[in-house]
Amino acid sequence: MKYTQLGRTGLKVSRLVLGTMNFGPQTDEADSHAIMDAALDAGINFFDQQF
């Protein structure tokens, strides 16, 4: 996984982002957790969560 620095924060985030807009009514809790676990296993540490 490639990472980039997030502005001047010193945080390194993955260049790939997991968008979670469809989590909730469209995706049950168990599937949501499985998707997030797979993303973390792949090195993704940047999650876009919007309500």
C-alpha atoms as a PDB file:
ATOM      1  CA  MET A   1       0.000   0.000   0.000  1.00  0.00           C
ATOM      2  CA  LYS A   2       1.231   3.487  -0.790  1.00  0.00           C
ATOM      3  CA  TYR A   3       0.794   6.201   1.809  1.00  0.00           C
ATOM      4  CA  THR A   4       0.902   9.977   1.737  1.00  0.00           C
ATOM      5  CA  GLN A   5       1.220  12.605   4.428  1.00  0.00           C
ATOM      6  CA  LEU A   6      -2.048  14.301   5.383  1.00  0.00           C
ATOM      7  CA  GLY A   7      -1.233  17.986   5.141  1.00  0.00           C
ATOM      8  CA  ARG A   8       0.987  19.174   7.988  1.00  0.00           C
ATOM      9  CA  THR A   9      -0.516  16.806  10.543  1.00  0.00           C
ATOM     10  CA  GLY A  10       2.274  14.255  10.319  1.00  0.00           C
ATOM     11  CA  LEU A  11      -0.319  11.523   9.761  1.00  0.00           C
ATOM     12  CA  LYS A  12       0.353   9.029   6.981  1.00  0.00           C
ATOM     13  CA  VAL A  13      -2.783   7.810   5.263  1.00  0.00           C
ATOM     14  CA  SER A  14      -3.277   5.280   2.504  1.00  0.00           C
ATOM     15  CA  ARG A  15      -3.734   6.643  -0.994  1.00  0.00           C
ATOM     16  CA  LEU A  16      -6.780   4.411  -1.316  1.00  0.00           C
ATOM     17  CA  VAL A  17      -9.843   5.396   0.692  1.00  0.00           C
ATOM     18  CA  LEU A  18     -12.738   3.174   1.735  1.00  0.00           C
ATOM     19  CA  GLY A  19     -15.987   5.074   1.220  1.00  0.00           C
ATOM     20  CA  THR A  20     -18.731   3.960   3.589  1.00  0.00           C
ATOM     21  CA  MET A  21     -21.688   5.936   2.225  1.00  0.00           C
ATOM     22  CA  ASN A  22     -23.655   2.750   1.496  1.00  0.00           C
ATOM     23  CA  PHE A  23     -23.079   1.230   4.918  1.00  0.00           C
ATOM     24  CA  GLY A  24     -26.232   1.172   7.012  1.00  0.00           C
ATOM     25  CA  PRO A  25     -29.547   0.286   5.392  1.00  0.00           C
ATOM     26  CA  GLN A  26     -27.865  -1.188   2.286  1.00  0.00           C
ATOM     27  CA  THR A  27     -25.165  -3.189   4.128  1.00  0.00           C
ATOM     28  CA  ASP A  28     -25.771  -5.045   7.374  1.00  0.00           C
ATOM     29  CA  GLU A  29     -23.422  -4.696  10.339  1.00  0.00           C
ATOM     30  CA  ALA A  30     -21.622  -8.020   9.840  1.00  0.00           C
ATOM     31  CA  ASP A  31     -20.896  -7.295   6.166  1.00  0.00           C
ATOM     32  CA  SER A  32     -19.770  -3.752   7.031  1.00  0.00           C
ATOM     33  CA  HIS A  33     -17.295  -5.105   9.586  1.00  0.00           C
ATOM     34  CA  ALA A  34     -16.024  -7.708   7.110  1.00  0.00           C
ATOM     35  CA  ILE A  35     -15.444  -5.015   4.469  1.00  0.00           C
ATOM     36  CA  MET A  36     -13.594  -2.767   6.939  1.00  0.00           C
ATOM     37  CA  ASP A  37     -11.488  -5.700   8.186  1.00  0.00           C
ATOM     38  CA  ALA A  38     -10.518  -6.572   4.604  1.00  0.00           C
ATOM     39  CA  ALA A  39      -9.584  -2.936   3.931  1.00  0.00           C
ATOM     40  CA  LEU A  40      -7.417  -2.798   7.066  1.00  0.00           C
ATOM     41  CA  ASP A  41      -5.765  -6.105   6.113  1.00  0.00           C
ATOM     42  CA  ALA A  42      -4.944  -4.566   2.713  1.00  0.00           C
ATOM     43  CA  GLY A  43      -3.294  -1.568   4.410  1.00  0.00           C
ATOM     44  CA  ILE A  44      -6.106   0.945   3.966  1.00  0.00           C
ATOM     45  CA  ASN A  45      -6.257   3.268   6.959  1.00  0.00           C
ATOM     46  CA  PHE A  46      -8.309   6.105   5.455  1.00  0.00           C
ATOM     47  CA  PHE A  47     -12.088   5.757   5.798  1.00  0.00           C
ATOM     48  CA  ASP A  48     -14.545   8.289   4.368  1.00  0.00           C
ATOM     49  CA  GLN A  49     -17.616   8.288   6.578  1.00  0.00           C
ATOM     50  CA  GLN A  50     -20.441  10.654   5.702  1.00  0.00           C
ATOM     51  CA  PHE A  51     -23.975  10.950   7.005  1.00  0.00           C
END
